[in-house]
Amino acid sequence: MYRATMKHRFSKVDQENVAEKVHHWKASSPEDFFHFCPHGEAPSGEDDKEEDTQTLLFIHQTAWRRRLLERYGNDMCLLDATYKTTRYSLPLFFLVVHTNVHYQVVGLFVVQNETSHCIKDALQLLRKENPSWNPKNFMTDNCEKEITALEDIFPGTIEL
């Protein structure tokens, strides 16, 4: 099974495989938002500081999720992370809103390190992709890194 799997991979380097996959996803779903910054590149493409050049970042938001965020995301948003769900133990963050039916994931991102800086980079890119998104409230668990990032992007919107 390993040989069969490796035969169909683009590269032996996982980040190169993800980059190739994102390229295909962008081509097949141009209305969806994908952002992938492999380890070693600046996430925003603007900064050259060492802290900006050592982080992996992956963001995904479908067009449908963008519509849900526009419709339901300006009142209350939730940010939550899962940990150790892959062999790399990378934090996976979910952006969630309450719709007229139930709670719905409206965006997700993976960061290499759970730091305020990395979370903030991801949130800034999501906000840039969703310019009308300006929630009145944000709910998160008691994680100082998440709270700091959210307060920097959306001042005065945090509820614990």
N, C-alpha and C. Protein backbone atom coordinates (compact mmCIF):
# COMPACT_ATOMS: atom_id res chain seq x y z
N MET A 1 0.83 -1.19 0.00
CA MET A 1 0.00 0.00 0.00
C MET A 1 0.88 1.25 0.00
N TYR A 2 1.98 1.20 0.75
CA TYR A 2 2.87 2.35 0.80
C TYR A 2 3.43 2.66 -0.59
N ARG A 3 3.89 1.64 -1.30
CA ARG A 3 4.45 1.86 -2.64
C ARG A 3 3.39 2.39 -3.60
N ALA A 4 2.18 1.88 -3.51
CA ALA A 4 1.11 2.37 -4.38
C ALA A 4 0.79 3.83 -4.07
N THR A 5 0.76 4.17 -2.80
CA THR A 5 0.50 5.55 -2.40
C THR A 5 1.61 6.46 -2.88
N MET A 6 2.84 6.07 -2.66
CA MET A 6 3.98 6.90 -3.06
C MET A 6 4.05 7.07 -4.58
N LYS A 7 3.61 6.07 -5.31
CA LYS A 7 3.64 6.14 -6.77
C LYS A 7 2.73 7.26 -7.30
N HIS A 8 1.66 7.55 -6.59
CA HIS A 8 0.70 8.56 -7.04
C HIS A 8 0.92 9.94 -6.41
N ARG A 9 1.95 10.06 -5.61
CA ARG A 9 2.25 11.35 -5.01
C ARG A 9 3.11 12.19 -5.94
N PHE A 10 2.96 13.47 -5.82
CA PHE A 10 3.74 14.41 -6.63
C PHE A 10 5.20 14.42 -6.19
N SER A 11 5.41 14.34 -4.87
CA SER A 11 6.75 14.44 -4.30
C SER A 11 6.83 13.63 -3.02
N LYS A 12 8.03 13.38 -2.56
CA LYS A 12 8.21 12.73 -1.26
C LYS A 12 8.10 13.74 -0.12
N VAL A 13 8.13 15.02 -0.47
CA VAL A 13 8.03 16.09 0.52
C VAL A 13 6.55 16.46 0.66
N ASP A 14 6.00 16.31 1.88
CA ASP A 14 4.57 16.53 2.10
C ASP A 14 4.13 17.94 1.75
N GLN A 15 4.94 18.95 2.06
CA GLN A 15 4.55 20.33 1.75
C GLN A 15 4.42 20.54 0.25
N GLU A 16 5.26 19.90 -0.53
CA GLU A 16 5.16 20.01 -1.99
C GLU A 16 3.88 19.34 -2.48
N ASN A 17 3.50 18.24 -1.86
CA ASN A 17 2.25 17.57 -2.21
C ASN A 17 1.05 18.46 -1.88
N VAL A 18 1.08 19.11 -0.74
CA VAL A 18 -0.01 20.00 -0.36
C VAL A 18 -0.08 21.17 -1.33
N ALA A 19 1.06 21.74 -1.67
CA ALA A 19 1.08 22.86 -2.61
C ALA A 19 0.49 22.44 -3.96
N GLU A 20 0.83 21.26 -4.42
CA GLU A 20 0.28 20.76 -5.68
C GLU A 20 -1.22 20.53 -5.57
N LYS A 21 -1.65 19.98 -4.44
CA LYS A 21 -3.08 19.74 -4.21
C LYS A 21 -3.84 21.06 -4.19
N VAL A 22 -3.31 22.06 -3.50
CA VAL A 22 -3.95 23.37 -3.44
C VAL A 22 -4.04 23.98 -4.84
N HIS A 23 -3.01 23.82 -5.63
CA HIS A 23 -3.03 24.30 -7.01
C HIS A 23 -4.19 23.67 -7.79
N HIS A 24 -4.37 22.37 -7.64
CA HIS A 24 -5.48 21.67 -8.31
C HIS A 24 -6.84 22.13 -7.77
N TRP A 25 -6.92 22.30 -6.45
CA TRP A 25 -8.18 22.74 -5.85
C TRP A 25 -8.56 24.13 -6.35
N LYS A 26 -7.57 25.02 -6.42
CA LYS A 26 -7.84 26.37 -6.92
C LYS A 26 -8.33 26.34 -8.36
N ALA A 27 -7.75 25.48 -9.17
CA ALA A 27 -8.15 25.37 -10.57
C ALA A 27 -9.55 24.79 -10.71
N SER A 28 -9.89 23.81 -9.88
CA SER A 28 -11.20 23.17 -10.00
C SER A 28 -12.31 23.92 -9.27
N SER A 29 -11.95 24.75 -8.30
CA SER A 29 -12.95 25.53 -7.54
C SER A 29 -12.47 26.97 -7.39
N PRO A 30 -12.46 27.75 -8.47
CA PRO A 30 -11.90 29.10 -8.40
C PRO A 30 -12.68 30.05 -7.48
N GLU A 31 -13.93 29.73 -7.16
CA GLU A 31 -14.71 30.60 -6.28
C GLU A 31 -14.37 30.37 -4.80
N ASP A 32 -13.68 29.28 -4.49
CA ASP A 32 -13.28 28.99 -3.11
C ASP A 32 -11.96 29.69 -2.78
N PHE A 33 -11.74 29.93 -1.49
CA PHE A 33 -10.52 30.58 -1.04
C PHE A 33 -9.58 29.53 -0.46
N PHE A 34 -8.40 29.45 -1.03
CA PHE A 34 -7.33 28.59 -0.54
C PHE A 34 -6.09 29.45 -0.36
N HIS A 35 -5.41 29.27 0.74
CA HIS A 35 -4.13 29.93 0.94
C HIS A 35 -3.20 28.90 1.56
N PHE A 36 -2.06 28.70 0.93
CA PHE A 36 -1.07 27.78 1.49
C PHE A 36 0.28 28.45 1.47
N CYS A 37 0.90 28.52 2.61
CA CYS A 37 2.24 29.05 2.75
C CYS A 37 3.07 27.97 3.43
N PRO A 38 3.97 27.33 2.71
CA PRO A 38 4.78 26.28 3.34
C PRO A 38 5.78 26.85 4.33
N HIS A 39 6.24 26.00 5.17
CA HIS A 39 7.28 26.36 6.14
C HIS A 39 8.46 26.96 5.40
N GLY A 40 8.91 28.14 5.86
CA GLY A 40 10.06 28.77 5.23
C GLY A 40 9.73 29.97 4.37
N GLU A 41 8.43 30.27 4.15
CA GLU A 41 8.03 31.44 3.37
C GLU A 41 7.21 32.37 4.26
N ALA A 42 7.24 33.66 3.95
CA ALA A 42 6.45 34.63 4.70
C ALA A 42 4.98 34.43 4.37
N PRO A 43 4.08 34.30 5.39
CA PRO A 43 2.68 34.03 5.13
C PRO A 43 1.98 35.12 4.34
N SER A 44 2.31 36.36 4.55
CA SER A 44 1.63 37.43 3.83
C SER A 44 2.39 37.86 2.59
N GLY A 45 3.61 37.34 2.43
CA GLY A 45 4.42 37.70 1.28
C GLY A 45 5.02 39.09 1.39
N GLU A 46 4.92 39.72 2.56
CA GLU A 46 5.38 41.09 2.70
C GLU A 46 6.55 41.25 3.67
N ASP A 47 6.58 40.46 4.72
CA ASP A 47 7.56 40.65 5.78
C ASP A 47 8.74 39.71 5.61
N ASP A 48 9.91 40.16 6.02
CA ASP A 48 11.10 39.33 5.94
C ASP A 48 11.67 39.02 7.32
N LYS A 49 10.94 39.34 8.38
CA LYS A 49 11.41 39.02 9.72
C LYS A 49 11.46 37.51 9.89
N GLU A 50 12.40 37.04 10.71
CA GLU A 50 12.56 35.60 10.89
C GLU A 50 11.30 34.94 11.42
N GLU A 51 10.57 35.59 12.32
CA GLU A 51 9.35 34.98 12.84
C GLU A 51 8.29 34.81 11.76
N ASP A 52 8.35 35.62 10.71
CA ASP A 52 7.40 35.51 9.61
C ASP A 52 7.82 34.49 8.57
N THR A 53 9.07 34.08 8.56
CA THR A 53 9.54 33.19 7.51
C THR A 53 9.62 31.73 7.94
N GLN A 54 9.18 31.39 9.13
CA GLN A 54 9.33 30.03 9.62
C GLN A 54 8.00 29.34 9.90
N THR A 55 6.94 29.81 9.31
CA THR A 55 5.64 29.28 9.69
C THR A 55 4.86 28.69 8.52
N LEU A 56 4.22 27.59 8.76
CA LEU A 56 3.33 26.96 7.80
C LEU A 56 1.92 27.49 8.04
N LEU A 57 1.20 27.77 6.98
CA LEU A 57 -0.16 28.26 7.11
C LEU A 57 -1.00 27.72 5.96
N PHE A 58 -2.14 27.15 6.30
CA PHE A 58 -3.11 26.69 5.30
C PHE A 58 -4.48 27.19 5.71
N ILE A 59 -5.17 27.84 4.78
CA ILE A 59 -6.51 28.36 5.02
C ILE A 59 -7.43 27.87 3.92
N HIS A 60 -8.66 27.50 4.30
CA HIS A 60 -9.64 27.10 3.30
C HIS A 60 -11.02 27.64 3.68
N GLN A 61 -11.69 28.18 2.69
CA GLN A 61 -13.06 28.65 2.85
C GLN A 61 -13.78 28.49 1.51
N THR A 62 -14.84 27.71 1.51
CA THR A 62 -15.61 27.54 0.28
C THR A 62 -16.47 28.78 0.05
N ALA A 63 -16.97 28.91 -1.15
CA ALA A 63 -17.86 30.03 -1.48
C ALA A 63 -19.12 29.96 -0.61
N TRP A 64 -19.63 28.76 -0.38
CA TRP A 64 -20.82 28.58 0.46
C TRP A 64 -20.54 29.04 1.89
N ARG A 65 -19.37 28.68 2.42
CA ARG A 65 -19.01 29.11 3.77
C ARG A 65 -18.84 30.62 3.84
N ARG A 66 -18.34 31.22 2.77
CA ARG A 66 -18.19 32.68 2.73
C ARG A 66 -19.56 33.35 2.81
N ARG A 67 -20.54 32.79 2.09
CA ARG A 67 -21.90 33.34 2.15
C ARG A 67 -22.49 33.21 3.55
N LEU A 68 -22.25 32.07 4.20
CA LEU A 68 -22.73 31.90 5.58
C LEU A 68 -22.09 32.90 6.53
N LEU A 69 -20.78 33.13 6.35
CA LEU A 69 -20.09 34.10 7.21
C LEU A 69 -20.64 35.50 6.99
N GLU A 70 -20.89 35.87 5.74
CA GLU A 70 -21.45 37.19 5.45
C GLU A 70 -22.83 37.35 6.07
N ARG A 71 -23.62 36.28 6.01
CA ARG A 71 -25.00 36.36 6.50
C ARG A 71 -25.10 36.28 8.03
N TYR A 72 -24.31 35.41 8.65
CA TYR A 72 -24.47 35.14 10.08
C TYR A 72 -23.26 35.54 10.94
N GLY A 73 -22.17 35.97 10.32
CA GLY A 73 -20.94 36.18 11.06
C GLY A 73 -20.73 37.55 11.66
N ASN A 74 -21.66 38.46 11.48
CA ASN A 74 -21.46 39.80 12.02
C ASN A 74 -22.07 40.01 13.40
N ASP A 75 -22.68 38.97 13.93
CA ASP A 75 -23.18 39.05 15.30
C ASP A 75 -22.23 38.32 16.24
N MET A 76 -22.16 37.00 16.12
CA MET A 76 -21.32 36.20 17.00
C MET A 76 -20.54 35.18 16.19
N CYS A 77 -19.24 35.10 16.42
CA CYS A 77 -18.39 34.09 15.81
C CYS A 77 -17.69 33.32 16.92
N LEU A 78 -17.38 32.08 16.63
CA LEU A 78 -16.65 31.24 17.57
C LEU A 78 -15.35 30.79 16.91
N LEU A 79 -14.29 30.70 17.69
CA LEU A 79 -13.01 30.19 17.21
C LEU A 79 -12.58 29.07 18.14
N ASP A 80 -12.34 27.90 17.57
CA ASP A 80 -11.93 26.77 18.38
C ASP A 80 -10.88 25.98 17.62
N ALA A 81 -10.01 25.33 18.36
CA ALA A 81 -8.93 24.56 17.75
C ALA A 81 -8.98 23.11 18.22
N THR A 82 -8.53 22.23 17.34
CA THR A 82 -8.31 20.84 17.70
C THR A 82 -6.81 20.59 17.60
N TYR A 83 -6.35 19.63 18.34
CA TYR A 83 -4.92 19.36 18.40
C TYR A 83 -4.65 17.89 18.18
N LYS A 84 -3.47 17.61 17.64
CA LYS A 84 -2.98 16.24 17.46
C LYS A 84 -3.94 15.38 16.66
N THR A 85 -4.50 15.97 15.59
CA THR A 85 -5.42 15.23 14.72
C THR A 85 -4.70 14.67 13.50
N THR A 86 -3.44 15.04 13.31
CA THR A 86 -2.65 14.52 12.21
C THR A 86 -1.33 14.02 12.75
N ARG A 87 -0.55 13.40 11.92
CA ARG A 87 0.73 12.89 12.38
C ARG A 87 1.71 14.02 12.68
N TYR A 88 1.40 15.23 12.27
CA TYR A 88 2.27 16.37 12.51
C TYR A 88 1.88 17.17 13.75
N SER A 89 0.79 16.85 14.37
CA SER A 89 0.31 17.56 15.57
C SER A 89 0.17 19.06 15.35
N LEU A 90 -0.33 19.45 14.19
CA LEU A 90 -0.54 20.86 13.89
C LEU A 90 -1.91 21.29 14.38
N PRO A 91 -2.01 22.48 14.98
CA PRO A 91 -3.32 22.97 15.41
C PRO A 91 -4.21 23.29 14.22
N LEU A 92 -5.43 22.79 14.27
CA LEU A 92 -6.45 23.03 13.25
C LEU A 92 -7.53 23.89 13.87
N PHE A 93 -7.72 25.09 13.34
CA PHE A 93 -8.69 26.04 13.89
C PHE A 93 -9.94 26.07 13.03
N PHE A 94 -11.08 26.14 13.70
CA PHE A 94 -12.37 26.24 13.04
C PHE A 94 -13.01 27.57 13.40
N LEU A 95 -13.48 28.29 12.39
CA LEU A 95 -14.27 29.50 12.58
C LEU A 95 -15.72 29.09 12.39
N VAL A 96 -16.55 29.35 13.39
CA VAL A 96 -17.92 28.82 13.42
C VAL A 96 -18.91 29.97 13.66
N VAL A 97 -20.07 29.88 13.01
CA VAL A 97 -21.17 30.81 13.25
C VAL A 97 -22.44 30.02 13.53
N HIS A 98 -23.39 30.67 14.19
CA HIS A 98 -24.69 30.07 14.43
C HIS A 98 -25.63 30.53 13.33
N THR A 99 -26.12 29.59 12.55
CA THR A 99 -27.05 29.91 11.46
C THR A 99 -28.48 29.81 11.98
N ASN A 100 -29.44 29.94 11.10
CA ASN A 100 -30.83 29.83 11.51
C ASN A 100 -31.21 28.38 11.85
N VAL A 101 -30.33 27.44 11.56
CA VAL A 101 -30.63 26.03 11.82
C VAL A 101 -29.72 25.44 12.91
N HIS A 102 -28.39 25.66 12.79
CA HIS A 102 -27.42 25.09 13.73
C HIS A 102 -26.09 25.79 13.55
N TYR A 103 -25.08 25.32 14.26
CA TYR A 103 -23.74 25.89 14.13
C TYR A 103 -23.08 25.33 12.88
N GLN A 104 -22.33 26.19 12.21
CA GLN A 104 -21.72 25.81 10.94
C GLN A 104 -20.29 26.33 10.87
N VAL A 105 -19.37 25.48 10.43
CA VAL A 105 -17.99 25.91 10.18
C VAL A 105 -17.99 26.77 8.92
N VAL A 106 -17.43 27.97 9.02
CA VAL A 106 -17.41 28.88 7.88
C VAL A 106 -15.99 29.17 7.40
N GLY A 107 -15.01 28.57 8.03
CA GLY A 107 -13.62 28.73 7.62
C GLY A 107 -12.74 27.88 8.51
N LEU A 108 -11.60 27.49 7.98
CA LEU A 108 -10.66 26.72 8.80
C LEU A 108 -9.25 27.08 8.40
N PHE A 109 -8.36 26.91 9.37
CA PHE A 109 -6.95 27.13 9.07
C PHE A 109 -6.07 26.26 9.95
N VAL A 110 -4.91 25.94 9.40
CA VAL A 110 -3.89 25.16 10.09
C VAL A 110 -2.67 26.05 10.20
N VAL A 111 -2.12 26.14 11.40
CA VAL A 111 -0.89 26.90 11.61
C VAL A 111 0.19 25.96 12.14
N GLN A 112 1.41 26.33 11.88
CA GLN A 112 2.51 25.49 12.35
C GLN A 112 2.67 25.59 13.86
N ASN A 113 2.56 26.80 14.36
CA ASN A 113 2.72 27.04 15.80
C ASN A 113 1.50 27.77 16.32
N GLU A 114 1.05 27.38 17.47
CA GLU A 114 -0.09 28.08 18.07
C GLU A 114 0.43 29.29 18.83
N THR A 115 0.72 30.33 18.05
CA THR A 115 1.15 31.60 18.63
C THR A 115 0.15 32.67 18.21
N SER A 116 0.12 33.74 18.96
CA SER A 116 -0.77 34.85 18.60
C SER A 116 -0.45 35.37 17.20
N HIS A 117 0.83 35.42 16.89
CA HIS A 117 1.28 35.92 15.58
C HIS A 117 0.73 35.05 14.44
N CYS A 118 0.84 33.73 14.57
CA CYS A 118 0.37 32.82 13.51
C CYS A 118 -1.15 32.87 13.38
N ILE A 119 -1.85 32.89 14.50
CA ILE A 119 -3.31 32.96 14.48
C ILE A 119 -3.76 34.28 13.87
N LYS A 120 -3.07 35.34 14.22
CA LYS A 120 -3.39 36.66 13.69
C LYS A 120 -3.19 36.71 12.18
N ASP A 121 -2.10 36.11 11.68
CA ASP A 121 -1.87 36.07 10.23
C ASP A 121 -3.04 35.41 9.51
N ALA A 122 -3.50 34.27 10.05
CA ALA A 122 -4.60 33.55 9.43
C ALA A 122 -5.88 34.38 9.46
N LEU A 123 -6.19 34.98 10.60
CA LEU A 123 -7.40 35.79 10.72
C LEU A 123 -7.36 37.01 9.81
N GLN A 124 -6.17 37.61 9.66
CA GLN A 124 -6.05 38.77 8.77
C GLN A 124 -6.35 38.38 7.32
N LEU A 125 -5.85 37.23 6.90
CA LEU A 125 -6.11 36.78 5.54
C LEU A 125 -7.58 36.44 5.34
N LEU A 126 -8.20 35.83 6.34
CA LEU A 126 -9.64 35.55 6.25
C LEU A 126 -10.45 36.85 6.21
N ARG A 127 -10.04 37.81 7.00
CA ARG A 127 -10.75 39.10 6.99
C ARG A 127 -10.58 39.82 5.66
N LYS A 128 -9.39 39.73 5.10
CA LYS A 128 -9.15 40.35 3.79
C LYS A 128 -10.02 39.70 2.72
N GLU A 129 -10.21 38.40 2.83
CA GLU A 129 -11.04 37.67 1.87
C GLU A 129 -12.53 37.95 2.09
N ASN A 130 -12.89 38.35 3.30
CA ASN A 130 -14.28 38.63 3.67
C ASN A 130 -14.36 40.07 4.21
N PRO A 131 -14.28 41.07 3.34
CA PRO A 131 -14.16 42.46 3.80
C PRO A 131 -15.35 42.98 4.60
N SER A 132 -16.53 42.42 4.43
CA SER A 132 -17.69 42.90 5.19
C SER A 132 -17.81 42.21 6.55
N TRP A 133 -16.93 41.30 6.86
CA TRP A 133 -16.97 40.56 8.12
C TRP A 133 -16.45 41.43 9.26
N ASN A 134 -17.34 41.76 10.18
CA ASN A 134 -16.97 42.56 11.34
C ASN A 134 -17.87 42.16 12.52
N PRO A 135 -17.54 41.05 13.18
CA PRO A 135 -18.42 40.54 14.24
C PRO A 135 -18.48 41.46 15.45
N LYS A 136 -19.68 41.53 16.05
CA LYS A 136 -19.86 42.30 17.27
C LYS A 136 -19.26 41.55 18.46
N ASN A 137 -19.32 40.22 18.42
CA ASN A 137 -18.82 39.38 19.51
C ASN A 137 -18.03 38.20 18.95
N PHE A 138 -17.07 37.76 19.75
CA PHE A 138 -16.29 36.58 19.41
C PHE A 138 -16.19 35.73 20.65
N MET A 139 -16.41 34.44 20.50
CA MET A 139 -16.31 33.53 21.63
C MET A 139 -15.18 32.54 21.37
N THR A 140 -14.38 32.32 22.39
CA THR A 140 -13.27 31.38 22.31
C THR A 140 -13.06 30.77 23.69
N ASP A 141 -12.25 29.73 23.76
CA ASP A 141 -11.93 29.21 25.07
C ASP A 141 -10.90 30.14 25.72
N ASN A 142 -10.46 29.81 26.89
CA ASN A 142 -9.57 30.70 27.63
C ASN A 142 -8.12 30.49 27.19
N CYS A 143 -7.85 30.74 25.93
CA CYS A 143 -6.50 30.62 25.36
C CYS A 143 -5.98 32.02 25.09
N GLU A 144 -4.98 32.43 25.83
CA GLU A 144 -4.46 33.79 25.73
C GLU A 144 -3.97 34.11 24.32
N LYS A 145 -3.41 33.13 23.62
CA LYS A 145 -2.90 33.36 22.26
C LYS A 145 -4.03 33.67 21.29
N GLU A 146 -5.13 32.92 21.39
CA GLU A 146 -6.28 33.19 20.54
C GLU A 146 -6.90 34.54 20.87
N ILE A 147 -7.06 34.81 22.15
CA ILE A 147 -7.67 36.06 22.59
C ILE A 147 -6.86 37.26 22.11
N THR A 148 -5.54 37.19 22.27
CA THR A 148 -4.68 38.29 21.84
C THR A 148 -4.81 38.53 20.33
N ALA A 149 -4.78 37.45 19.56
CA ALA A 149 -4.92 37.59 18.10
C ALA A 149 -6.27 38.19 17.73
N LEU A 150 -7.33 37.71 18.36
CA LEU A 150 -8.67 38.22 18.05
C LEU A 150 -8.82 39.68 18.45
N GLU A 151 -8.27 40.05 19.60
CA GLU A 151 -8.37 41.45 20.03
C GLU A 151 -7.60 42.38 19.10
N ASP A 152 -6.51 41.89 18.52
CA ASP A 152 -5.77 42.72 17.58
C ASP A 152 -6.54 42.92 16.28
N ILE A 153 -7.22 41.89 15.81
CA ILE A 153 -7.95 41.98 14.55
C ILE A 153 -9.34 42.60 14.74
N PHE A 154 -10.01 42.22 15.82
CA PHE A 154 -11.38 42.69 16.10
C PHE A 154 -11.42 43.26 17.52
N PRO A 155 -10.96 44.48 17.72
CA PRO A 155 -10.92 45.04 19.08
C PRO A 155 -12.30 45.09 19.73
N GLY A 156 -12.37 44.64 20.98
CA GLY A 156 -13.59 44.72 21.77
C GLY A 156 -14.63 43.69 21.47
N THR A 157 -14.28 42.55 20.84
CA THR A 157 -15.30 41.58 20.45
C THR A 157 -15.19 40.24 21.17
N ILE A 158 -14.35 40.10 22.18
CA ILE A 158 -14.09 38.80 22.80
C ILE A 158 -15.04 38.55 23.96
N GLU A 159 -15.61 37.34 24.00
CA GLU A 159 -16.36 36.83 25.14
C GLU A 159 -15.76 35.52 25.54
N LEU A 160 -15.53 35.33 26.82
CA LEU A 160 -14.97 34.07 27.31
C LEU A 160 -16.07 33.16 27.83
